[in-house]
Amino acid sequence: MRAEIWLEEEGLTLLEGWARDGLTREKIAGNMGIGLSTFYKWQKKYPQIAQALRRGREVVDYQVEQALLDRALGGDLKAQMYWLNNRRGDRWQEHPRERTDESGDEGVTVIVDV
């Protein structure tokens, strides 16, 4: 299989659509008729391919992020916890983290529990 067909508008549109549909890298490579190692090589060699895949994934990522936000704002406690743990992990942690004091005092451990 030659990479050139995937660099044309139709090929790039297919790649973007497959990524938007949530296909795995393995499945996309299979749809292209190439192995996974070739798939990775082509992404590095042909930035257009990597960009098309990124554009497709971004669309879905934004949709999922918006759906999660909608649920969190609607009162879904699990969604709220997930959002805060991932977006505001500096202030909201599901489990306390151990952190060594960086003041230079050896043996001092600070337990962060929010």
PDB file of N, CA and C in Angstrom:
ATOM      1  N   MET A   1       0.853  -1.177   0.000  1.00  0.00           N
ATOM      2  CA  MET A   1       0.000   0.000   0.000  1.00  0.00           C
ATOM      3  C   MET A   1       0.895   1.235   0.000  1.00  0.00           C
ATOM      4  N   ARG A   2       0.525   2.206  -0.796  1.00  0.00           N
ATOM      5  CA  ARG A   2       1.303   3.441  -0.894  1.00  0.00           C
ATOM      6  C   ARG A   2       0.665   4.529  -0.053  1.00  0.00           C
ATOM      7  N   ALA A   3       1.495   5.347   0.539  1.00  0.00           N
ATOM      8  CA  ALA A   3       1.019   6.415   1.417  1.00  0.00           C
ATOM      9  C   ALA A   3       0.319   7.529   0.643  1.00  0.00           C
ATOM     10  N   GLU A   4       0.648   7.686  -0.622  1.00  0.00           N
ATOM     11  CA  GLU A   4       0.141   8.824  -1.389  1.00  0.00           C
ATOM     12  C   GLU A   4      -1.381   8.923  -1.388  1.00  0.00           C
ATOM     13  N   ILE A   5      -2.078   7.787  -1.427  1.00  0.00           N
ATOM     14  CA  ILE A   5      -3.539   7.851  -1.462  1.00  0.00           C
ATOM     15  C   ILE A   5      -4.106   8.408  -0.160  1.00  0.00           C
ATOM     16  N   TRP A   6      -3.357   8.254   0.934  1.00  0.00           N
ATOM     17  CA  TRP A   6      -3.816   8.762   2.235  1.00  0.00           C
ATOM     18  C   TRP A   6      -3.467  10.224   2.424  1.00  0.00           C
ATOM     19  N   LEU A   7      -2.700  10.782   1.485  1.00  0.00           N
ATOM     20  CA  LEU A   7      -2.344  12.193   1.549  1.00  0.00           C
ATOM     21  C   LEU A   7      -3.295  13.050   0.719  1.00  0.00           C
ATOM     22  N   GLU A   8      -4.115  12.399  -0.083  1.00  0.00           N
ATOM     23  CA  GLU A   8      -5.114  13.119  -0.869  1.00  0.00           C
ATOM     24  C   GLU A   8      -6.292  13.480   0.027  1.00  0.00           C
ATOM     25  N   GLU A   9      -7.092  14.462  -0.404  1.00  0.00           N
ATOM     26  CA  GLU A   9      -8.196  14.964   0.412  1.00  0.00           C
ATOM     27  C   GLU A   9      -9.140  13.849   0.861  1.00  0.00           C
ATOM     28  N   GLU A  10      -9.487  12.964  -0.036  1.00  0.00           N
ATOM     29  CA  GLU A  10     -10.413  11.871   0.312  1.00  0.00           C
ATOM     30  C   GLU A  10      -9.830  10.947   1.378  1.00  0.00           C
ATOM     31  N   GLY A  11      -8.552  10.622   1.239  1.00  0.00           N
ATOM     32  CA  GLY A  11      -7.897   9.762   2.223  1.00  0.00           C
ATOM     33  C   GLY A  11      -7.799  10.417   3.581  1.00  0.00           C
ATOM     34  N   LEU A  12      -7.446  11.696   3.604  1.00  0.00           N
ATOM     35  CA  LEU A  12      -7.340  12.423   4.872  1.00  0.00           C
ATOM     36  C   LEU A  12      -8.703  12.550   5.547  1.00  0.00           C
ATOM     37  N   THR A  13      -9.750  12.729   4.739  1.00  0.00           N
ATOM     38  CA  THR A  13     -11.105  12.811   5.288  1.00  0.00           C
ATOM     39  C   THR A  13     -11.504  11.481   5.921  1.00  0.00           C
ATOM     40  N   LEU A  14     -11.159  10.381   5.272  1.00  0.00           N
ATOM     41  CA  LEU A  14     -11.436   9.057   5.850  1.00  0.00           C
ATOM     42  C   LEU A  14     -10.719   8.877   7.180  1.00  0.00           C
ATOM     43  N   LEU A  15      -9.438   9.226   7.210  1.00  0.00           N
ATOM     44  CA  LEU A  15      -8.657   9.086   8.444  1.00  0.00           C
ATOM     45  C   LEU A  15      -9.266   9.911   9.572  1.00  0.00           C
ATOM     46  N   GLU A  16      -9.631  11.145   9.268  1.00  0.00           N
ATOM     47  CA  GLU A  16     -10.229  12.012  10.271  1.00  0.00           C
ATOM     48  C   GLU A  16     -11.550  11.421  10.774  1.00  0.00           C
ATOM     49  N   GLY A  17     -12.344  10.903   9.860  1.00  0.00           N
ATOM     50  CA  GLY A  17     -13.622  10.297  10.239  1.00  0.00           C
ATOM     51  C   GLY A  17     -13.446   9.066  11.102  1.00  0.00           C
ATOM     52  N   TRP A  18     -12.487   8.222  10.754  1.00  0.00           N
ATOM     53  CA  TRP A  18     -12.241   7.025  11.560  1.00  0.00           C
ATOM     54  C   TRP A  18     -11.810   7.396  12.969  1.00  0.00           C
ATOM     55  N   ALA A  19     -10.949   8.401  13.079  1.00  0.00           N
ATOM     56  CA  ALA A  19     -10.510   8.851  14.411  1.00  0.00           C
ATOM     57  C   ALA A  19     -11.691   9.435  15.174  1.00  0.00           C
ATOM     58  N   ARG A  20     -12.531  10.208  14.495  1.00  0.00           N
ATOM     59  CA  ARG A  20     -13.702  10.810  15.136  1.00  0.00           C
ATOM     60  C   ARG A  20     -14.680   9.731  15.604  1.00  0.00           C
ATOM     61  N   ASP A  21     -14.752   8.632  14.848  1.00  0.00           N
ATOM     62  CA  ASP A  21     -15.644   7.528  15.210  1.00  0.00           C
ATOM     63  C   ASP A  21     -15.098   6.682  16.348  1.00  0.00           C
ATOM     64  N   GLY A  22     -13.881   6.972  16.785  1.00  0.00           N
ATOM     65  CA  GLY A  22     -13.317   6.272  17.932  1.00  0.00           C
ATOM     66  C   GLY A  22     -12.569   4.997  17.603  1.00  0.00           C
ATOM     67  N   LEU A  23     -12.248   4.782  16.327  1.00  0.00           N
ATOM     68  CA  LEU A  23     -11.500   3.582  15.973  1.00  0.00           C
ATOM     69  C   LEU A  23     -10.113   3.616  16.597  1.00  0.00           C
ATOM     70  N   THR A  24      -9.627   2.459  17.000  1.00  0.00           N
ATOM     71  CA  THR A  24      -8.284   2.358  17.572  1.00  0.00           C
ATOM     72  C   THR A  24      -7.250   2.538  16.471  1.00  0.00           C
ATOM     73  N   ARG A  25      -6.025   2.777  16.864  1.00  0.00           N
ATOM     74  CA  ARG A  25      -4.935   2.904  15.889  1.00  0.00           C
ATOM     75  C   ARG A  25      -4.776   1.607  15.097  1.00  0.00           C
ATOM     76  N   GLU A  26      -4.941   0.486  15.786  1.00  0.00           N
ATOM     77  CA  GLU A  26      -4.829  -0.810  15.122  1.00  0.00           C
ATOM     78  C   GLU A  26      -5.902  -0.964  14.047  1.00  0.00           C
ATOM     79  N   LYS A  27      -7.126  -0.548  14.368  1.00  0.00           N
ATOM     80  CA  LYS A  27      -8.232  -0.668  13.422  1.00  0.00           C
ATOM     81  C   LYS A  27      -8.037   0.278  12.234  1.00  0.00           C
ATOM     82  N   ILE A  28      -7.574   1.489  12.510  1.00  0.00           N
ATOM     83  CA  ILE A  28      -7.325   2.439  11.424  1.00  0.00           C
ATOM     84  C   ILE A  28      -6.237   1.900  10.500  1.00  0.00           C
ATOM     85  N   ALA A  29      -5.160   1.397  11.081  1.00  0.00           N
ATOM     86  CA  ALA A  29      -4.085   0.819  10.272  1.00  0.00           C
ATOM     87  C   ALA A  29      -4.634  -0.328   9.423  1.00  0.00           C
ATOM     88  N   GLY A  30      -5.455  -1.173  10.014  1.00  0.00           N
ATOM     89  CA  GLY A  30      -6.075  -2.270   9.267  1.00  0.00           C
ATOM     90  C   GLY A  30      -6.938  -1.769   8.122  1.00  0.00           C
ATOM     91  N   ASN A  31      -7.713  -0.712   8.386  1.00  0.00           N
ATOM     92  CA  ASN A  31      -8.543  -0.129   7.331  1.00  0.00           C
ATOM     93  C   ASN A  31      -7.694   0.435   6.194  1.00  0.00           C
ATOM     94  N   MET A  32      -6.497   0.906   6.553  1.00  0.00           N
ATOM     95  CA  MET A  32      -5.592   1.454   5.547  1.00  0.00           C
ATOM     96  C   MET A  32      -4.857   0.347   4.790  1.00  0.00           C
ATOM     97  N   GLY A  33      -4.912  -0.869   5.321  1.00  0.00           N
ATOM     98  CA  GLY A  33      -4.221  -1.979   4.690  1.00  0.00           C
ATOM     99  C   GLY A  33      -2.740  -2.033   5.015  1.00  0.00           C
ATOM    100  N   ILE A  34      -2.367  -1.496   6.180  1.00  0.00           N
ATOM    101  CA  ILE A  34      -0.965  -1.483   6.594  1.00  0.00           C
ATOM    102  C   ILE A  34      -0.846  -2.002   8.023  1.00  0.00           C
ATOM    103  N   GLY A  35       0.369  -2.337   8.405  1.00  0.00           N
ATOM    104  CA  GLY A  35       0.634  -2.764   9.763  1.00  0.00           C
ATOM    105  C   GLY A  35       0.773  -1.569  10.690  1.00  0.00           C
ATOM    106  N   LEU A  36       0.713  -1.838  11.972  1.00  0.00           N
ATOM    107  CA  LEU A  36       0.779  -0.772  12.971  1.00  0.00           C
ATOM    108  C   LEU A  36       2.118  -0.033  12.926  1.00  0.00           C
ATOM    109  N   SER A  37       3.215  -0.743  12.704  1.00  0.00           N
ATOM    110  CA  SER A  37       4.522  -0.073  12.660  1.00  0.00           C
ATOM    111  C   SER A  37       4.593   0.888  11.470  1.00  0.00           C
ATOM    112  N   THR A  38       4.036   0.487  10.337  1.00  0.00           N
ATOM    113  CA  THR A  38       3.990   1.379   9.171  1.00  0.00           C
ATOM    114  C   THR A  38       3.098   2.578   9.469  1.00  0.00           C
ATOM    115  N   PHE A  39       1.994   2.337  10.149  1.00  0.00           N
ATOM    116  CA  PHE A  39       1.080   3.408  10.533  1.00  0.00           C
ATOM    117  C   PHE A  39       1.825   4.491  11.331  1.00  0.00           C
ATOM    118  N   TYR A  40       2.611   4.061  12.325  1.00  0.00           N
ATOM    119  CA  TYR A  40       3.371   5.015  13.137  1.00  0.00           C
ATOM    120  C   TYR A  40       4.442   5.727  12.306  1.00  0.00           C
ATOM    121  N   LYS A  41       5.107   4.986  11.412  1.00  0.00           N
ATOM    122  CA  LYS A  41       6.130   5.600  10.557  1.00  0.00           C
ATOM    123  C   LYS A  41       5.511   6.664   9.663  1.00  0.00           C
ATOM    124  N   TRP A  42       4.355   6.359   9.087  1.00  0.00           N
ATOM    125  CA  TRP A  42       3.699   7.316   8.199  1.00  0.00           C
ATOM    126  C   TRP A  42       3.246   8.559   8.951  1.00  0.00           C
ATOM    127  N   GLN A  43       2.816   8.409  10.196  1.00  0.00           N
ATOM    128  CA  GLN A  43       2.416   9.582  10.977  1.00  0.00           C
ATOM    129  C   GLN A  43       3.603  10.527  11.177  1.00  0.00           C
ATOM    130  N   LYS A  44       4.782   9.941  11.383  1.00  0.00           N
ATOM    131  CA  LYS A  44       5.975  10.769  11.564  1.00  0.00           C
ATOM    132  C   LYS A  44       6.439  11.379  10.244  1.00  0.00           C
ATOM    133  N   LYS A  45       6.378  10.588   9.191  1.00  0.00           N
ATOM    134  CA  LYS A  45       6.883  11.021   7.891  1.00  0.00           C
ATOM    135  C   LYS A  45       5.938  12.001   7.200  1.00  0.00           C
ATOM    136  N   TYR A  46       4.630  11.810   7.404  1.00  0.00           N
ATOM    137  CA  TYR A  46       3.630  12.629   6.725  1.00  0.00           C
ATOM    138  C   TYR A  46       2.770  13.350   7.766  1.00  0.00           C
ATOM    139  N   PRO A  47       3.119  14.579   8.102  1.00  0.00           N
ATOM    140  CA  PRO A  47       2.385  15.305   9.138  1.00  0.00           C
ATOM    141  C   PRO A  47       0.894  15.455   8.818  1.00  0.00           C
ATOM    142  N   GLN A  48       0.523  15.438   7.541  1.00  0.00           N
ATOM    143  CA  GLN A  48      -0.884  15.558   7.164  1.00  0.00           C
ATOM    144  C   GLN A  48      -1.709  14.414   7.757  1.00  0.00           C
ATOM    145  N   ILE A  49      -1.120  13.231   7.795  1.00  0.00           N
ATOM    146  CA  ILE A  49      -1.822  12.066   8.352  1.00  0.00           C
ATOM    147  C   ILE A  49      -2.024  12.266   9.853  1.00  0.00           C
ATOM    148  N   ALA A  50      -0.963  12.640  10.551  1.00  0.00           N
ATOM    149  CA  ALA A  50      -1.062  12.858  12.002  1.00  0.00           C
ATOM    150  C   ALA A  50      -2.063  13.964  12.311  1.00  0.00           C
ATOM    151  N   GLN A  51      -2.074  15.022  11.499  1.00  0.00           N
ATOM    152  CA  GLN A  51      -2.997  16.132  11.726  1.00  0.00           C
ATOM    153  C   GLN A  51      -4.447  15.712  11.514  1.00  0.00           C
ATOM    154  N   ALA A  52      -4.708  14.921  10.491  1.00  0.00           N
ATOM    155  CA  ALA A  52      -6.073  14.447  10.232  1.00  0.00           C
ATOM    156  C   ALA A  52      -6.570  13.593  11.399  1.00  0.00           C
ATOM    157  N   LEU A  53      -5.727  12.716  11.905  1.00  0.00           N
ATOM    158  CA  LEU A  53      -6.103  11.879  13.043  1.00  0.00           C
ATOM    159  C   LEU A  53      -6.349  12.728  14.287  1.00  0.00           C
ATOM    160  N   ARG A  54      -5.493  13.712  14.508  1.00  0.00           N
ATOM    161  CA  ARG A  54      -5.640  14.599  15.666  1.00  0.00           C
ATOM    162  C   ARG A  54      -6.945  15.389  15.581  1.00  0.00           C
ATOM    163  N   ARG A  55      -7.243  15.914  14.392  1.00  0.00           N
ATOM    164  CA  ARG A  55      -8.496  16.671  14.216  1.00  0.00           C
ATOM    165  C   ARG A  55      -9.705  15.802  14.540  1.00  0.00           C
ATOM    166  N   GLY A  56      -9.691  14.559  14.077  1.00  0.00           N
ATOM    167  CA  GLY A  56     -10.806  13.658  14.340  1.00  0.00           C
ATOM    168  C   GLY A  56     -10.969  13.353  15.814  1.00  0.00           C
ATOM    169  N   ARG A  57      -9.864  13.094  16.500  1.00  0.00           N
ATOM    170  CA  ARG A  57      -9.926  12.792  17.933  1.00  0.00           C
ATOM    171  C   ARG A  57     -10.378  14.007  18.735  1.00  0.00           C
ATOM    172  N   GLU A  58      -9.933  15.190  18.331  1.00  0.00           N
ATOM    173  CA  GLU A  58     -10.278  16.408  19.064  1.00  0.00           C
ATOM    174  C   GLU A  58     -11.783  16.640  19.097  1.00  0.00           C
ATOM    175  N   VAL A  59     -12.450  16.374  17.984  1.00  0.00           N
ATOM    176  CA  VAL A  59     -13.897  16.575  17.912  1.00  0.00           C
ATOM    177  C   VAL A  59     -14.585  15.746  18.990  1.00  0.00           C
ATOM    178  N   VAL A  60     -14.234  14.481  19.062  1.00  0.00           N
ATOM    179  CA  VAL A  60     -14.858  13.586  20.033  1.00  0.00           C
ATOM    180  C   VAL A  60     -14.450  13.960  21.449  1.00  0.00           C
ATOM    181  N   ASP A  61     -13.192  14.297  21.641  1.00  0.00           N
ATOM    182  CA  ASP A  61     -12.728  14.689  22.975  1.00  0.00           C
ATOM    183  C   ASP A  61     -13.524  15.881  23.490  1.00  0.00           C
ATOM    184  N   TYR A  62     -13.763  16.858  22.634  1.00  0.00           N
ATOM    185  CA  TYR A  62     -14.550  18.024  23.048  1.00  0.00           C
ATOM    186  C   TYR A  62     -15.986  17.631  23.381  1.00  0.00           C
ATOM    187  N   GLN A  63     -16.562  16.740  22.595  1.00  0.00           N
ATOM    188  CA  GLN A  63     -17.936  16.308  22.851  1.00  0.00           C
ATOM    189  C   GLN A  63     -18.040  15.578  24.185  1.00  0.00           C
ATOM    190  N   VAL A  64     -17.088  14.690  24.455  1.00  0.00           N
ATOM    191  CA  VAL A  64     -17.101  13.950  25.720  1.00  0.00           C
ATOM    192  C   VAL A  64     -16.856  14.895  26.889  1.00  0.00           C
ATOM    193  N   GLU A  65     -15.921  15.821  26.716  1.00  0.00           N
ATOM    194  CA  GLU A  65     -15.655  16.787  27.779  1.00  0.00           C
ATOM    195  C   GLU A  65     -16.906  17.610  28.072  1.00  0.00           C
ATOM    196  N   GLN A  66     -17.607  18.025  27.043  1.00  0.00           N
ATOM    197  CA  GLN A  66     -18.826  18.805  27.242  1.00  0.00           C
ATOM    198  C   GLN A  66     -19.904  17.974  27.936  1.00  0.00           C
ATOM    199  N   ALA A  67     -20.036  16.704  27.545  1.00  0.00           N
ATOM    200  CA  ALA A  67     -21.026  15.830  28.172  1.00  0.00           C
ATOM    201  C   ALA A  67     -20.701  15.617  29.654  1.00  0.00           C
ATOM    202  N   LEU A  68     -19.410  15.430  29.954  1.00  0.00           N
ATOM    203  CA  LEU A  68     -18.998  15.273  31.354  1.00  0.00           C
ATOM    204  C   LEU A  68     -19.290  16.542  32.143  1.00  0.00           C
ATOM    205  N   LEU A  69     -18.967  17.684  31.570  1.00  0.00           N
ATOM    206  CA  LEU A  69     -19.235  18.952  32.233  1.00  0.00           C
ATOM    207  C   LEU A  69     -20.735  19.135  32.469  1.00  0.00           C
ATOM    208  N   ASP A  70     -21.541  18.817  31.468  1.00  0.00           N
ATOM    209  CA  ASP A  70     -23.000  18.931  31.616  1.00  0.00           C
ATOM    210  C   ASP A  70     -23.505  18.077  32.768  1.00  0.00           C
ATOM    211  N   ARG A  71     -22.981  16.850  32.856  1.00  0.00           N
ATOM    212  CA  ARG A  71     -23.402  15.955  33.949  1.00  0.00           C
ATOM    213  C   ARG A  71     -22.936  16.488  35.303  1.00  0.00           C
ATOM    214  N   ALA A  72     -21.697  16.987  35.344  1.00  0.00           N
ATOM    215  CA  ALA A  72     -21.174  17.527  36.605  1.00  0.00           C
ATOM    216  C   ALA A  72     -21.999  18.730  37.053  1.00  0.00           C
ATOM    217  N   LEU A  73     -22.298  19.612  36.130  1.00  0.00           N
ATOM    218  CA  LEU A  73     -23.083  20.795  36.480  1.00  0.00           C
ATOM    219  C   LEU A  73     -24.530  20.440  36.795  1.00  0.00           C
ATOM    220  N   GLY A  74     -24.973  19.303  36.299  1.00  0.00           N
ATOM    221  CA  GLY A  74     -26.336  18.849  36.564  1.00  0.00           C
ATOM    222  C   GLY A  74     -26.479  18.130  37.888  1.00  0.00           C
ATOM    223  N   GLY A  75     -25.392  18.001  38.630  1.00  0.00           N
ATOM    224  CA  GLY A  75     -25.472  17.409  39.957  1.00  0.00           C
ATOM    225  C   GLY A  75     -24.972  15.983  40.066  1.00  0.00           C
ATOM    226  N   ASP A  76     -24.430  15.409  39.011  1.00  0.00           N
ATOM    227  CA  ASP A  76     -23.906  14.041  39.047  1.00  0.00           C
ATOM    228  C   ASP A  76     -22.616  14.038  39.872  1.00  0.00           C
ATOM    229  N   LEU A  77     -22.674  13.459  41.075  1.00  0.00           N
ATOM    230  CA  LEU A  77     -21.552  13.492  42.006  1.00  0.00           C
ATOM    231  C   LEU A  77     -20.310  12.814  41.433  1.00  0.00           C
ATOM    232  N   LYS A  78     -20.469  11.672  40.771  1.00  0.00           N
ATOM    233  CA  LYS A  78     -19.302  10.989  40.192  1.00  0.00           C
ATOM    234  C   LYS A  78     -18.633  11.856  39.132  1.00  0.00           C
ATOM    235  N   ALA A  79     -19.440  12.502  38.302  1.00  0.00           N
ATOM    236  CA  ALA A  79     -18.887  13.377  37.270  1.00  0.00           C
ATOM    237  C   ALA A  79     -18.165  14.560  37.908  1.00  0.00           C
ATOM    238  N   GLN A  80     -18.735  15.099  38.970  1.00  0.00           N
ATOM    239  CA  GLN A  80     -18.094  16.214  39.664  1.00  0.00           C
ATOM    240  C   GLN A  80     -16.750  15.792  40.246  1.00  0.00           C
ATOM    241  N   MET A  81     -16.716  14.620  40.891  1.00  0.00           N
ATOM    242  CA  MET A  81     -15.472  14.126  41.489  1.00  0.00           C
ATOM    243  C   MET A  81     -14.423  13.878  40.404  1.00  0.00           C
ATOM    244  N   TYR A  82     -14.836  13.243  39.324  1.00  0.00           N
ATOM    245  CA  TYR A  82     -13.904  12.954  38.236  1.00  0.00           C
ATOM    246  C   TYR A  82     -13.328  14.246  37.678  1.00  0.00           C
ATOM    247  N   TRP A  83     -14.202  15.202  37.423  1.00  0.00           N
ATOM    248  CA  TRP A  83     -13.768  16.482  36.865  1.00  0.00           C
ATOM    249  C   TRP A  83     -12.768  17.165  37.796  1.00  0.00           C
ATOM    250  N   LEU A  84     -13.103  17.262  39.069  1.00  0.00           N
ATOM    251  CA  LEU A  84     -12.222  17.946  40.008  1.00  0.00           C
ATOM    252  C   LEU A  84     -10.910  17.206  40.213  1.00  0.00           C
ATOM    253  N   ASN A  85     -10.945  15.873  40.285  1.00  0.00           N
ATOM    254  CA  ASN A  85      -9.708  15.102  40.446  1.00  0.00           C
ATOM    255  C   ASN A  85      -8.769  15.291  39.266  1.00  0.00           C
ATOM    256  N   ASN A  86      -9.330  15.415  38.069  1.00  0.00           N
ATOM    257  CA  ASN A  86      -8.502  15.516  36.878  1.00  0.00           C
ATOM    258  C   ASN A  86      -8.183  16.942  36.474  1.00  0.00           C
ATOM    259  N   ARG A  87      -9.097  17.848  36.672  1.00  0.00           N
ATOM    260  CA  ARG A  87      -8.878  19.224  36.258  1.00  0.00           C
ATOM    261  C   ARG A  87      -8.298  20.091  37.364  1.00  0.00           C
ATOM    262  N   ARG A  88      -8.586  19.746  38.602  1.00  0.00           N
ATOM    263  CA  ARG A  88      -8.105  20.526  39.741  1.00  0.00           C
ATOM    264  C   ARG A  88      -7.427  19.608  40.751  1.00  0.00           C
ATOM    265  N   GLY A  89      -6.611  18.713  40.248  1.00  0.00           N
ATOM    266  CA  GLY A  89      -5.922  17.761  41.105  1.00  0.00           C
ATOM    267  C   GLY A  89      -5.050  18.416  42.159  1.00  0.00           C
ATOM    268  N   ASP A  90      -4.618  19.647  41.901  1.00  0.00           N
ATOM    269  CA  ASP A  90      -3.808  20.359  42.885  1.00  0.00           C
ATOM    270  C   ASP A  90      -4.606  20.657  44.150  1.00  0.00           C
ATOM    271  N   ARG A  91      -5.929  20.732  44.030  1.00  0.00           N
ATOM    272  CA  ARG A  91      -6.772  21.053  45.180  1.00  0.00           C
ATOM    273  C   ARG A  91      -7.684  19.911  45.582  1.00  0.00           C
ATOM    274  N   TRP A  92      -8.007  19.021  44.655  1.00  0.00           N
ATOM    275  CA  TRP A  92      -8.981  17.963  44.920  1.00  0.00           C
ATOM    276  C   TRP A  92      -8.360  16.622  44.547  1.00  0.00           C
ATOM    277  N   GLN A  93      -8.077  15.828  45.536  1.00  0.00           N
ATOM    278  CA  GLN A  93      -7.529  14.497  45.287  1.00  0.00           C
ATOM    279  C   GLN A  93      -8.432  13.469  45.926  1.00  0.00           C
ATOM    280  N   GLU A  94      -8.674  12.386  45.197  1.00  0.00           N
ATOM    281  CA  GLU A  94      -9.499  11.310  45.743  1.00  0.00           C
ATOM    282  C   GLU A  94      -8.784  10.648  46.914  1.00  0.00           C
ATOM    283  N   HIS A  95      -7.467  10.530  46.793  1.00  0.00           N
ATOM    284  CA  HIS A  95      -6.656   9.917  47.847  1.00  0.00           C
ATOM    285  C   HIS A  95      -5.558  10.901  48.232  1.00  0.00           C
ATOM    286  N   PRO A  96      -5.257  11.005  49.509  1.00  0.00           N
ATOM    287  CA  PRO A  96      -4.171  11.899  49.914  1.00  0.00           C
ATOM    288  C   PRO A  96      -2.860  11.464  49.276  1.00  0.00           C
ATOM    289  N   ARG A  97      -2.046  12.443  48.921  1.00  0.00           N
ATOM    290  CA  ARG A  97      -0.735  12.143  48.349  1.00  0.00           C
ATOM    291  C   ARG A  97       0.340  12.500  49.356  1.00  0.00           C
ATOM    292  N   GLU A  98       1.392  11.704  49.345  1.00  0.00           N
ATOM    293  CA  GLU A  98       2.544  12.043  50.180  1.00  0.00           C
ATOM    294  C   GLU A  98       3.458  12.923  49.371  1.00  0.00           C
ATOM    295  N   ARG A  99       4.003  13.925  50.049  1.00  0.00           N
ATOM    296  CA  ARG A  99       4.900  14.840  49.377  1.00  0.00           C
ATOM    297  C   ARG A  99       6.039  15.142  50.325  1.00  0.00           C
ATOM    298  N   THR A 100       7.246  15.062  49.856  1.00  0.00           N
ATOM    299  CA  THR A 100       8.400  15.374  50.696  1.00  0.00           C
ATOM    300  C   THR A 100       8.573  16.884  50.742  1.00  0.00           C
ATOM    301  N   ASP A 101       8.801  17.392  51.931  1.00  0.00           N
ATOM    302  CA  ASP A 101       9.012  18.824  52.113  1.00  0.00           C
ATOM    303  C   ASP A 101      10.276  19.230  51.370  1.00  0.00           C
ATOM    304  N   GLU A 102      10.180  20.254  50.552  1.00  0.00           N
ATOM    305  CA  GLU A 102      11.308  20.676  49.729  1.00  0.00           C
ATOM    306  C   GLU A 102      12.147  21.754  50.397  1.00  0.00           C
ATOM    307  N   SER A 103      11.951  21.950  51.688  1.00  0.00           N
ATOM    308  CA  SER A 103      12.691  23.005  52.383  1.00  0.00           C
ATOM    309  C   SER A 103      14.123  22.586  52.711  1.00  0.00           C
ATOM    310  N   GLY A 104      14.431  21.335  52.505  1.00  0.00           N
ATOM    311  CA  GLY A 104      15.772  20.867  52.806  1.00  0.00           C
ATOM    312  C   GLY A 104      15.841  20.089  54.097  1.00  0.00           C
ATOM    313  N   ASP A 105      14.790  20.118  54.925  1.00  0.00           N
ATOM    314  CA  ASP A 105      14.771  19.353  56.163  1.00  0.00           C
ATOM    315  C   ASP A 105      14.550  17.894  55.828  1.00  0.00           C
ATOM    316  N   GLU A 106      15.560  17.084  56.108  1.00  0.00           N
ATOM    317  CA  GLU A 106      15.441  15.676  55.779  1.00  0.00           C
ATOM    318  C   GLU A 106      14.496  14.982  56.746  1.00  0.00           C
ATOM    319  N   GLY A 107      13.788  14.017  56.241  1.00  0.00           N
ATOM    320  CA  GLY A 107      12.924  13.213  57.078  1.00  0.00           C
ATOM    321  C   GLY A 107      11.560  13.833  57.329  1.00  0.00           C
ATOM    322  N   VAL A 108      11.291  14.982  56.789  1.00  0.00           N
ATOM    323  CA  VAL A 108       9.992  15.623  56.995  1.00  0.00           C
ATOM    324  C   VAL A 108       9.082  15.237  55.836  1.00  0.00           C
ATOM    325  N   THR A 109       7.942  14.656  56.162  1.00  0.00           N
ATOM    326  CA  THR A 109       6.984  14.284  55.123  1.00  0.00           C
ATOM    327  C   THR A 109       5.681  15.028  55.400  1.00  0.00           C
ATOM    328  N   VAL A 110       5.130  15.601  54.362  1.00  0.00           N
ATOM    329  CA  VAL A 110       3.877  16.338  54.476  1.00  0.00           C
ATOM    330  C   VAL A 110       2.798  15.486  53.829  1.00  0.00           C
ATOM    331  N   ILE A 111       1.715  15.260  54.552  1.00  0.00           N
ATOM    332  CA  ILE A 111       0.583  14.522  54.003  1.00  0.00           C
ATOM    333  C   ILE A 111      -0.447  15.541  53.544  1.00  0.00           C
ATOM    334  N   VAL A 112      -0.779  15.488  52.260  1.00  0.00           N
ATOM    335  CA  VAL A 112      -1.765  16.395  51.709  1.00  0.00           C
ATOM    336  C   VAL A 112      -3.090  15.652  51.706  1.00  0.00           C
ATOM    337  N   ASP A 113      -4.058  16.150  52.472  1.00  0.00           N
ATOM    338  CA  ASP A 113      -5.362  15.508  52.572  1.00  0.00           C
ATOM    339  C   ASP A 113      -6.425  16.574  52.417  1.00  0.00           C
ATOM    340  N   VAL A 114      -7.138  16.523  51.294  1.00  0.00           N
ATOM    341  CA  VAL A 114      -8.143  17.544  51.028  1.00  0.00           C
ATOM    342  C   VAL A 114      -9.530  17.003  51.244  1.00  0.00           C
TER     343      VAL A 114
END
